[in-house]
Amino acid sequence: ALSRSDGSSYYGDSVVGRFSIFRDNAKMTLYLRM
């Protein structure tokens, strides 16, 4: 999960350290790097 404004993120226990969530607001796109 990625917060609405400040960039805070949460990860499930099974994926922490391996996955990364980020967004590009200008492109209106959310990403998940696995």
Full PDB file with SEQRES, HELIX, SHEET, SSBOND, CRYST1, ORIGX, SCALE, CONECT and MASTER records, all heavy atoms in Angstrom:
SEQRES   1 A   34  ALA LEU SER ARG SER ASP GLY SER SER TYR TYR GLY ASP          
SEQRES   2 A   34  SER VAL VAL GLY ARG PHE SER ILE PHE ARG ASP ASN ALA          
SEQRES   3 A   34  LYS MET THR LEU TYR LEU ARG MET                              
SHEET    1 AA1 2 SER A  20  ASP A  24  0                                        
SHEET    2 AA1 2 THR A  29  ARG A  33 -1                                        
CRYST1    1.000    1.000    1.000  90.00  90.00  90.00 P 1           1          
ORIGX1      1.000000  0.000000  0.000000        0.00000                         
ORIGX2      0.000000  1.000000  0.000000        0.00000                         
ORIGX3      0.000000  0.000000  1.000000        0.00000                         
SCALE1      1.000000  0.000000  0.000000        0.00000                         
SCALE2      0.000000  1.000000  0.000000        0.00000                         
SCALE3      0.000000  0.000000  1.000000        0.00000                         
ATOM      1  N   ALA A   1       0.836  -1.194   0.000  1.00  0.00           N  
ATOM      2  CA  ALA A   1       0.000   0.000   0.000  1.00  0.00           C  
ATOM      3  C   ALA A   1       0.871   1.244   0.000  1.00  0.00           C  
ATOM      4  O   ALA A   1       1.977   1.238   0.555  1.00  0.00           O  
ATOM      5  CB  ALA A   1      -0.931   0.018   1.216  1.00  0.00           C  
ATOM      6  N   LEU A   2       0.355   2.302  -0.613  1.00  0.00           N  
ATOM      7  CA  LEU A   2       1.052   3.579  -0.711  1.00  0.00           C  
ATOM      8  C   LEU A   2       0.112   4.670  -0.249  1.00  0.00           C  
ATOM      9  O   LEU A   2      -1.040   4.729  -0.679  1.00  0.00           O  
ATOM     10  CB  LEU A   2       1.500   3.819  -2.151  1.00  0.00           C  
ATOM     11  CG  LEU A   2       2.381   5.039  -2.424  1.00  0.00           C  
ATOM     12  CD1 LEU A   2       3.723   4.898  -1.715  1.00  0.00           C  
ATOM     13  CD2 LEU A   2       2.584   5.207  -3.920  1.00  0.00           C  
ATOM     14  N   SER A   3       0.592   5.562   0.614  1.00  0.00           N  
ATOM     15  CA  SER A   3      -0.251   6.591   1.201  1.00  0.00           C  
ATOM     16  C   SER A   3      -0.717   7.614   0.183  1.00  0.00           C  
ATOM     17  O   SER A   3      -0.144   7.750  -0.909  1.00  0.00           O  
ATOM     18  CB  SER A   3       0.479   7.292   2.348  1.00  0.00           C  
ATOM     19  OG  SER A   3       1.544   8.092   1.848  1.00  0.00           O  
ATOM     20  N   ARG A   4      -1.740   8.370   0.589  1.00  0.00           N  
ATOM     21  CA  ARG A   4      -2.356   9.355  -0.286  1.00  0.00           C  
ATOM     22  C   ARG A   4      -1.423  10.510  -0.618  1.00  0.00           C  
ATOM     23  O   ARG A   4      -1.494  11.066  -1.703  1.00  0.00           O  
ATOM     24  CB  ARG A   4      -3.636   9.874   0.388  1.00  0.00           C  
ATOM     25  CG  ARG A   4      -4.531  10.692  -0.497  1.00  0.00           C  
ATOM     26  CD  ARG A   4      -5.858  10.958   0.200  1.00  0.00           C  
ATOM     27  NE  ARG A   4      -5.688  11.750   1.413  1.00  0.00           N  
ATOM     28  CZ  ARG A   4      -6.179  11.430   2.594  1.00  0.00           C  
ATOM     29  NH1 ARG A   4      -6.899  10.317   2.728  1.00  0.00           N  
ATOM     30  NH2 ARG A   4      -5.988  12.210   3.646  1.00  0.00           N  
ATOM     31  N   SER A   5      -0.517  10.887   0.310  1.00  0.00           N  
ATOM     32  CA  SER A   5       0.228  12.115   0.105  1.00  0.00           C  
ATOM     33  C   SER A   5       1.704  12.103   0.494  1.00  0.00           C  
ATOM     34  O   SER A   5       2.519  12.733  -0.190  1.00  0.00           O  
ATOM     35  CB  SER A   5      -0.449  13.263   0.863  1.00  0.00           C  
ATOM     36  OG  SER A   5      -0.502  12.997   2.246  1.00  0.00           O  
ATOM     37  N   ASP A   6       2.088  11.410   1.576  1.00  0.00           N  
ATOM     38  CA  ASP A   6       3.445  11.577   2.092  1.00  0.00           C  
ATOM     39  C   ASP A   6       4.423  10.489   1.679  1.00  0.00           C  
ATOM     40  O   ASP A   6       5.576  10.511   2.103  1.00  0.00           O  
ATOM     41  CB  ASP A   6       3.428  11.723   3.617  1.00  0.00           C  
ATOM     42  CG  ASP A   6       3.075  10.451   4.357  1.00  0.00           C  
ATOM     43  OD1 ASP A   6       2.802   9.426   3.702  1.00  0.00           O  
ATOM     44  OD2 ASP A   6       3.069  10.485   5.598  1.00  0.00           O  
ATOM     45  N   GLY A   7       4.002   9.538   0.868  1.00  0.00           N  
ATOM     46  CA  GLY A   7       4.897   8.512   0.380  1.00  0.00           C  
ATOM     47  C   GLY A   7       5.104   7.332   1.296  1.00  0.00           C  
ATOM     48  O   GLY A   7       5.914   6.450   0.971  1.00  0.00           O  
ATOM     49  N   SER A   8       4.413   7.275   2.425  1.00  0.00           N  
ATOM     50  CA  SER A   8       4.522   6.128   3.320  1.00  0.00           C  
ATOM     51  C   SER A   8       4.028   4.871   2.629  1.00  0.00           C  
ATOM     52  O   SER A   8       3.112   4.917   1.803  1.00  0.00           O  
ATOM     53  CB  SER A   8       3.720   6.365   4.596  1.00  0.00           C  
ATOM     54  OG  SER A   8       4.198   7.490   5.303  1.00  0.00           O  
ATOM     55  N   SER A   9       4.615   3.740   2.964  1.00  0.00           N  
ATOM     56  CA  SER A   9       4.232   2.478   2.352  1.00  0.00           C  
ATOM     57  C   SER A   9       4.182   1.355   3.367  1.00  0.00           C  
ATOM     58  O   SER A   9       4.893   1.373   4.373  1.00  0.00           O  
ATOM     59  CB  SER A   9       5.194   2.111   1.220  1.00  0.00           C  
ATOM     60  OG  SER A   9       6.523   1.986   1.697  1.00  0.00           O  
ATOM     61  N   TYR A  10       3.317   0.368   3.100  1.00  0.00           N  
ATOM     62  CA  TYR A  10       3.219  -0.858   3.873  1.00  0.00           C  
ATOM     63  C   TYR A  10       3.451  -2.024   2.927  1.00  0.00           C  
ATOM     64  O   TYR A  10       3.135  -1.950   1.736  1.00  0.00           O  
ATOM     65  CB  TYR A  10       1.831  -1.031   4.501  1.00  0.00           C  
ATOM     66  CG  TYR A  10       1.420  -0.060   5.570  1.00  0.00           C  
ATOM     67  CD1 TYR A  10       0.067   0.146   5.833  1.00  0.00           C  
ATOM     68  CD2 TYR A  10       2.343   0.629   6.333  1.00  0.00           C  
ATOM     69  CE1 TYR A  10      -0.348   1.023   6.817  1.00  0.00           C  
ATOM     70  CE2 TYR A  10       1.941   1.515   7.318  1.00  0.00           C  
ATOM     71  CZ  TYR A  10       0.590   1.700   7.561  1.00  0.00           C  
ATOM     72  OH  TYR A  10       0.185   2.577   8.550  1.00  0.00           O  
ATOM     73  N   TYR A  11       3.951  -3.149   3.475  1.00  0.00           N  
ATOM     74  CA  TYR A  11       4.137  -4.359   2.695  1.00  0.00           C  
ATOM     75  C   TYR A  11       3.681  -5.565   3.489  1.00  0.00           C  
ATOM     76  O   TYR A  11       3.847  -5.619   4.705  1.00  0.00           O  
ATOM     77  CB  TYR A  11       5.598  -4.539   2.287  1.00  0.00           C  
ATOM     78  CG  TYR A  11       6.077  -3.475   1.337  1.00  0.00           C  
ATOM     79  CD1 TYR A  11       6.731  -2.338   1.800  1.00  0.00           C  
ATOM     80  CD2 TYR A  11       5.862  -3.599  -0.033  1.00  0.00           C  
ATOM     81  CE1 TYR A  11       7.152  -1.354   0.926  1.00  0.00           C  
ATOM     82  CE2 TYR A  11       6.279  -2.617  -0.914  1.00  0.00           C  
ATOM     83  CZ  TYR A  11       6.922  -1.494  -0.426  1.00  0.00           C  
ATOM     84  OH  TYR A  11       7.337  -0.519  -1.300  1.00  0.00           O  
ATOM     85  N   GLY A  12       3.125  -6.534   2.778  1.00  0.00           N  
ATOM     86  CA  GLY A  12       2.788  -7.784   3.412  1.00  0.00           C  
ATOM     87  C   GLY A  12       4.042  -8.528   3.837  1.00  0.00           C  
ATOM     88  O   GLY A  12       5.108  -8.394   3.227  1.00  0.00           O  
ATOM     89  N   ASP A  13       3.911  -9.335   4.900  1.00  0.00           N  
ATOM     90  CA  ASP A  13       5.070 -10.034   5.447  1.00  0.00           C  
ATOM     91  C   ASP A  13       5.768 -10.913   4.416  1.00  0.00           C  
ATOM     92  O   ASP A  13       6.992 -11.074   4.445  1.00  0.00           O  
ATOM     93  CB  ASP A  13       4.652 -10.889   6.644  1.00  0.00           C  
ATOM     94  CG  ASP A  13       4.246 -10.063   7.847  1.00  0.00           C  
ATOM     95  OD1 ASP A  13       4.601  -8.873   7.913  1.00  0.00           O  
ATOM     96  OD2 ASP A  13       3.570 -10.617   8.743  1.00  0.00           O  
ATOM     97  N   SER A  14       5.015 -11.499   3.508  1.00  0.00           N  
ATOM     98  CA  SER A  14       5.584 -12.432   2.556  1.00  0.00           C  
ATOM     99  C   SER A  14       6.359 -11.758   1.427  1.00  0.00           C  
ATOM    100  O   SER A  14       7.089 -12.436   0.697  1.00  0.00           O  
ATOM    101  CB  SER A  14       4.483 -13.316   1.956  1.00  0.00           C  
ATOM    102  OG  SER A  14       3.554 -12.539   1.225  1.00  0.00           O  
ATOM    103  N   VAL A  15       6.218 -10.435   1.275  1.00  0.00           N  
ATOM    104  CA  VAL A  15       6.862  -9.745   0.158  1.00  0.00           C  
ATOM    105  C   VAL A  15       7.827  -8.655   0.600  1.00  0.00           C  
ATOM    106  O   VAL A  15       8.550  -8.105  -0.250  1.00  0.00           O  
ATOM    107  CB  VAL A  15       5.821  -9.150  -0.815  1.00  0.00           C  
ATOM    108  CG1 VAL A  15       4.843 -10.217  -1.267  1.00  0.00           C  
ATOM    109  CG2 VAL A  15       5.087  -7.972  -0.178  1.00  0.00           C  
ATOM    110  N   VAL A  16       7.859  -8.323   1.886  1.00  0.00           N  
ATOM    111  CA  VAL A  16       8.710  -7.245   2.353  1.00  0.00           C  
ATOM    112  C   VAL A  16      10.167  -7.529   1.989  1.00  0.00           C  
ATOM    113  O   VAL A  16      10.652  -8.650   2.127  1.00  0.00           O  
ATOM    114  CB  VAL A  16       8.544  -7.025   3.869  1.00  0.00           C  
ATOM    115  CG1 VAL A  16       9.001  -8.244   4.666  1.00  0.00           C  
ATOM    116  CG2 VAL A  16       9.289  -5.784   4.320  1.00  0.00           C  
ATOM    117  N   GLY A  17      10.843  -6.500   1.496  1.00  0.00           N  
ATOM    118  CA  GLY A  17      12.226  -6.652   1.068  1.00  0.00           C  
ATOM    119  C   GLY A  17      12.385  -7.092  -0.366  1.00  0.00           C  
ATOM    120  O   GLY A  17      13.494  -6.996  -0.911  1.00  0.00           O  
ATOM    121  N   ARG A  18      11.319  -7.574  -0.990  1.00  0.00           N  
ATOM    122  CA  ARG A  18      11.380  -8.031  -2.376  1.00  0.00           C  
ATOM    123  C   ARG A  18      10.561  -7.162  -3.327  1.00  0.00           C  
ATOM    124  O   ARG A  18      10.921  -7.022  -4.492  1.00  0.00           O  
ATOM    125  CB  ARG A  18      10.893  -9.479  -2.493  1.00  0.00           C  
ATOM    126  CG  ARG A  18      11.719 -10.476  -1.699  1.00  0.00           C  
ATOM    127  CD  ARG A  18      11.294 -11.917  -2.010  1.00  0.00           C  
ATOM    128  NE  ARG A  18       9.910 -12.174  -1.624  1.00  0.00           N  
ATOM    129  CZ  ARG A  18       8.958 -12.557  -2.471  1.00  0.00           C  
ATOM    130  NH1 ARG A  18       9.223 -12.735  -3.756  1.00  0.00           N  
ATOM    131  NH2 ARG A  18       7.728 -12.792  -2.017  1.00  0.00           N  
ATOM    132  N   PHE A  19       9.452  -6.619  -2.836  1.00  0.00           N  
ATOM    133  CA  PHE A  19       8.550  -5.819  -3.667  1.00  0.00           C  
ATOM    134  C   PHE A  19       8.653  -4.347  -3.298  1.00  0.00           C  
ATOM    135  O   PHE A  19       8.978  -3.999  -2.156  1.00  0.00           O  
ATOM    136  CB  PHE A  19       7.103  -6.269  -3.479  1.00  0.00           C  
ATOM    137  CG  PHE A  19       6.767  -7.614  -4.054  1.00  0.00           C  
ATOM    138  CD1 PHE A  19       7.744  -8.489  -4.498  1.00  0.00           C  
ATOM    139  CD2 PHE A  19       5.441  -8.008  -4.145  1.00  0.00           C  
ATOM    140  CE1 PHE A  19       7.426  -9.734  -5.019  1.00  0.00           C  
ATOM    141  CE2 PHE A  19       5.103  -9.243  -4.662  1.00  0.00           C  
ATOM    142  CZ  PHE A  19       6.095 -10.104  -5.100  1.00  0.00           C  
ATOM    143  N   SER A  20       8.323  -3.470  -4.251  1.00  0.00           N  
ATOM    144  CA  SER A  20       8.334  -2.037  -4.024  1.00  0.00           C  
ATOM    145  C   SER A  20       7.149  -1.390  -4.732  1.00  0.00           C  
ATOM    146  O   SER A  20       6.917  -1.661  -5.918  1.00  0.00           O  
ATOM    147  CB  SER A  20       9.643  -1.419  -4.526  1.00  0.00           C  
ATOM    148  OG  SER A  20       9.665  -0.025  -4.328  1.00  0.00           O  
ATOM    149  N   ILE A  21       6.392  -0.558  -4.014  1.00  0.00           N  
ATOM    150  CA  ILE A  21       5.245   0.132  -4.580  1.00  0.00           C  
ATOM    151  C   ILE A  21       5.597   1.603  -4.775  1.00  0.00           C  
ATOM    152  O   ILE A  21       6.202   2.225  -3.907  1.00  0.00           O  
ATOM    153  CB  ILE A  21       3.998  -0.031  -3.680  1.00  0.00           C  
ATOM    154  CG1 ILE A  21       2.771   0.608  -4.325  1.00  0.00           C  
ATOM    155  CG2 ILE A  21       4.243   0.518  -2.282  1.00  0.00           C  
ATOM    156  CD1 ILE A  21       1.466   0.298  -3.580  1.00  0.00           C  
ATOM    157  N   PHE A  22       5.222   2.160  -5.918  1.00  0.00           N  
ATOM    158  CA  PHE A  22       5.460   3.569  -6.175  1.00  0.00           C  
ATOM    159  C   PHE A  22       4.471   4.068  -7.216  1.00  0.00           C  
ATOM    160  O   PHE A  22       3.788   3.279  -7.867  1.00  0.00           O  
ATOM    161  CB  PHE A  22       6.907   3.834  -6.610  1.00  0.00           C  
ATOM    162  CG  PHE A  22       7.375   3.051  -7.804  1.00  0.00           C  
ATOM    163  CD1 PHE A  22       7.431   3.643  -9.058  1.00  0.00           C  
ATOM    164  CD2 PHE A  22       7.783   1.737  -7.682  1.00  0.00           C  
ATOM    165  CE1 PHE A  22       7.872   2.941 -10.162  1.00  0.00           C  
ATOM    166  CE2 PHE A  22       8.222   1.011  -8.784  1.00  0.00           C  
ATOM    167  CZ  PHE A  22       8.266   1.620 -10.023  1.00  0.00           C  
ATOM    168  N   ARG A  23       4.387   5.375  -7.362  1.00  0.00           N  
ATOM    169  CA  ARG A  23       3.409   5.967  -8.267  1.00  0.00           C  
ATOM    170  C   ARG A  23       4.018   7.110  -9.059  1.00  0.00           C  
ATOM    171  O   ARG A  23       4.992   7.738  -8.641  1.00  0.00           O  
ATOM    172  CB  ARG A  23       2.192   6.473  -7.486  1.00  0.00           C  
ATOM    173  CG  ARG A  23       2.471   7.738  -6.651  1.00  0.00           C  
ATOM    174  CD  ARG A  23       1.608   7.838  -5.424  1.00  0.00           C  
ATOM    175  NE  ARG A  23       0.201   8.001  -5.736  1.00  0.00           N  
ATOM    176  CZ  ARG A  23      -0.774   7.880  -4.839  1.00  0.00           C  
ATOM    177  NH1 ARG A  23      -0.485   7.581  -3.574  1.00  0.00           N  
ATOM    178  NH2 ARG A  23      -2.042   8.051  -5.201  1.00  0.00           N  
ATOM    179  N   ASP A  24       3.436   7.385 -10.208  1.00  0.00           N  
ATOM    180  CA  ASP A  24       3.753   8.554 -11.013  1.00  0.00           C  
ATOM    181  C   ASP A  24       2.443   9.310 -11.186  1.00  0.00           C  
ATOM    182  O   ASP A  24       1.609   8.938 -12.007  1.00  0.00           O  
ATOM    183  CB  ASP A  24       4.342   8.161 -12.364  1.00  0.00           C  
ATOM    184  CG  ASP A  24       4.828   9.355 -13.165  1.00  0.00           C  
ATOM    185  OD1 ASP A  24       4.241  10.440 -13.050  1.00  0.00           O  
ATOM    186  OD2 ASP A  24       5.814   9.202 -13.918  1.00  0.00           O  
ATOM    187  N   ASN A  25       2.247  10.355 -10.389  1.00  0.00           N  
ATOM    188  CA  ASN A  25       0.980  11.072 -10.403  1.00  0.00           C  
ATOM    189  C   ASN A  25       0.725  11.765 -11.739  1.00  0.00           C  
ATOM    190  O   ASN A  25      -0.420  11.838 -12.192  1.00  0.00           O  
ATOM    191  CB  ASN A  25       0.943  12.101  -9.272  1.00  0.00           C  
ATOM    192  CG  ASN A  25       0.843  11.460  -7.905  1.00  0.00           C  
ATOM    193  OD1 ASN A  25       0.244  10.400  -7.750  1.00  0.00           O  
ATOM    194  ND2 ASN A  25       1.421  12.111  -6.904  1.00  0.00           N  
ATOM    195  N   ALA A  26       1.767  12.290 -12.369  1.00  0.00           N  
ATOM    196  CA  ALA A  26       1.606  12.958 -13.651  1.00  0.00           C  
ATOM    197  C   ALA A  26       1.103  11.995 -14.718  1.00  0.00           C  
ATOM    198  O   ALA A  26       0.300  12.371 -15.574  1.00  0.00           O  
ATOM    199  CB  ALA A  26       2.915  13.602 -14.085  1.00  0.00           C  
ATOM    200  N   LYS A  27       1.582  10.747 -14.679  1.00  0.00           N  
ATOM    201  CA  LYS A  27       1.161   9.735 -15.645  1.00  0.00           C  
ATOM    202  C   LYS A  27      -0.064   8.966 -15.180  1.00  0.00           C  
ATOM    203  O   LYS A  27      -0.548   8.099 -15.906  1.00  0.00           O  
ATOM    204  CB  LYS A  27       2.302   8.761 -15.922  1.00  0.00           C  
ATOM    205  CG  LYS A  27       3.508   9.391 -16.592  1.00  0.00           C  
ATOM    206  CD  LYS A  27       4.582   8.355 -16.881  1.00  0.00           C  
ATOM    207  CE  LYS A  27       5.762   8.978 -17.590  1.00  0.00           C  
ATOM    208  NZ  LYS A  27       6.834   7.979 -17.861  1.00  0.00           N  
ATOM    209  N   MET A  28      -0.539   9.262 -13.980  1.00  0.00           N  
ATOM    210  CA  MET A  28      -1.715   8.598 -13.424  1.00  0.00           C  
ATOM    211  C   MET A  28      -1.528   7.079 -13.386  1.00  0.00           C  
ATOM    212  O   MET A  28      -2.413   6.305 -13.753  1.00  0.00           O  
ATOM    213  CB  MET A  28      -2.971   8.953 -14.223  1.00  0.00           C  
ATOM    214  CG  MET A  28      -3.360  10.424 -14.129  1.00  0.00           C  
ATOM    215  SD  MET A  28      -4.219  10.781 -12.574  1.00  0.00           S  
ATOM    216  CE  MET A  28      -5.815  10.048 -12.924  1.00  0.00           C  
ATOM    217  N   THR A  29      -0.351   6.654 -12.927  1.00  0.00           N  
ATOM    218  CA  THR A  29      -0.018   5.239 -12.938  1.00  0.00           C  
ATOM    219  C   THR A  29       0.602   4.814 -11.612  1.00  0.00           C  
ATOM    220  O   THR A  29       1.481   5.499 -11.076  1.00  0.00           O  
ATOM    221  CB  THR A  29       0.945   4.906 -14.084  1.00  0.00           C  
ATOM    222  OG1 THR A  29       0.363   5.301 -15.328  1.00  0.00           O  
ATOM    223  CG2 THR A  29       1.231   3.417 -14.132  1.00  0.00           C  
ATOM    224  N   LEU A  30       0.143   3.681 -11.094  1.00  0.00           N  
ATOM    225  CA  LEU A  30       0.700   3.032  -9.914  1.00  0.00           C  
ATOM    226  C   LEU A  30       1.516   1.831 -10.373  1.00  0.00           C  
ATOM    227  O   LEU A  30       1.121   1.132 -11.317  1.00  0.00           O  
ATOM    228  CB  LEU A  30      -0.420   2.580  -8.985  1.00  0.00           C  
ATOM    229  CG  LEU A  30      -0.014   1.798  -7.734  1.00  0.00           C  
ATOM    230  CD1 LEU A  30       0.604   2.732  -6.705  1.00  0.00           C  
ATOM    231  CD2 LEU A  30      -1.218   1.063  -7.157  1.00  0.00           C  
ATOM    232  N   TYR A  31       2.628   1.555  -9.691  1.00  0.00           N  
ATOM    233  CA  TYR A  31       3.505   0.457 -10.072  1.00  0.00           C  
ATOM    234  C   TYR A  31       3.768  -0.470  -8.893  1.00  0.00           C  
ATOM    235  O   TYR A  31       3.708  -0.071  -7.733  1.00  0.00           O  
ATOM    236  CB  TYR A  31       4.855   0.976 -10.573  1.00  0.00           C  
ATOM    237  CG  TYR A  31       4.768   1.886 -11.769  1.00  0.00           C  
ATOM    238  CD1 TYR A  31       4.722   3.269 -11.612  1.00  0.00           C  
ATOM    239  CD2 TYR A  31       4.740   1.367 -13.051  1.00  0.00           C  
ATOM    240  CE1 TYR A  31       4.650   4.110 -12.703  1.00  0.00           C  
ATOM    241  CE2 TYR A  31       4.669   2.202 -14.156  1.00  0.00           C  
ATOM    242  CZ  TYR A  31       4.626   3.567 -13.972  1.00  0.00           C  
ATOM    243  OH  TYR A  31       4.556   4.400 -15.068  1.00  0.00           O  
ATOM    244  N   LEU A  32       4.096  -1.709  -9.216  1.00  0.00           N  
ATOM    245  CA  LEU A  32       4.590  -2.675  -8.244  1.00  0.00           C  
ATOM    246  C   LEU A  32       5.789  -3.369  -8.857  1.00  0.00           C  
ATOM    247  O   LEU A  32       5.634  -4.127  -9.827  1.00  0.00           O  
ATOM    248  CB  LEU A  32       3.518  -3.693  -7.865  1.00  0.00           C  
ATOM    249  CG  LEU A  32       3.937  -4.728  -6.818  1.00  0.00           C  
ATOM    250  CD1 LEU A  32       4.109  -4.063  -5.449  1.00  0.00           C  
ATOM    251  CD2 LEU A  32       2.920  -5.864  -6.726  1.00  0.00           C  
ATOM    252  N   ARG A  33       6.972  -3.108  -8.320  1.00  0.00           N  
ATOM    253  CA  ARG A  33       8.178  -3.776  -8.770  1.00  0.00           C  
ATOM    254  C   ARG A  33       8.372  -5.023  -7.919  1.00  0.00           C  
ATOM    255  O   ARG A  33       8.433  -4.933  -6.696  1.00  0.00           O  
ATOM    256  CB  ARG A  33       9.392  -2.854  -8.643  1.00  0.00           C  
ATOM    257  CG  ARG A  33      10.714  -3.488  -9.053  1.00  0.00           C  
ATOM    258  CD  ARG A  33      10.744  -3.776 -10.540  1.00  0.00           C  
ATOM    259  NE  ARG A  33      11.987  -4.409 -10.949  1.00  0.00           N  
ATOM    260  CZ  ARG A  33      12.276  -4.772 -12.182  1.00  0.00           C  
ATOM    261  NH1 ARG A  33      11.396  -4.546 -13.152  1.00  0.00           N  
ATOM    262  NH2 ARG A  33      13.432  -5.349 -12.459  1.00  0.00           N  
ATOM    263  N   MET A  34       8.484  -6.170  -8.556  1.00  0.00           N  
ATOM    264  CA  MET A  34       8.605  -7.446  -7.874  1.00  0.00           C  
ATOM    265  C   MET A  34       9.943  -8.075  -8.238  1.00  0.00           C  
ATOM    266  O   MET A  34      10.194  -8.385  -9.402  1.00  0.00           O  
ATOM    267  CB  MET A  34       7.456  -8.378  -8.255  1.00  0.00           C  
ATOM    268  CG  MET A  34       6.076  -7.778  -8.013  1.00  0.00           C  
ATOM    269  SD  MET A  34       4.723  -8.929  -8.391  1.00  0.00           S  
ATOM    270  CE  MET A  34       4.933  -9.081 -10.163  1.00  0.00           C  
TER     271      MET A  34                                                      
MASTER        0    0    0    0    2    0    0    6  270    1    0    3          
END                                                                             
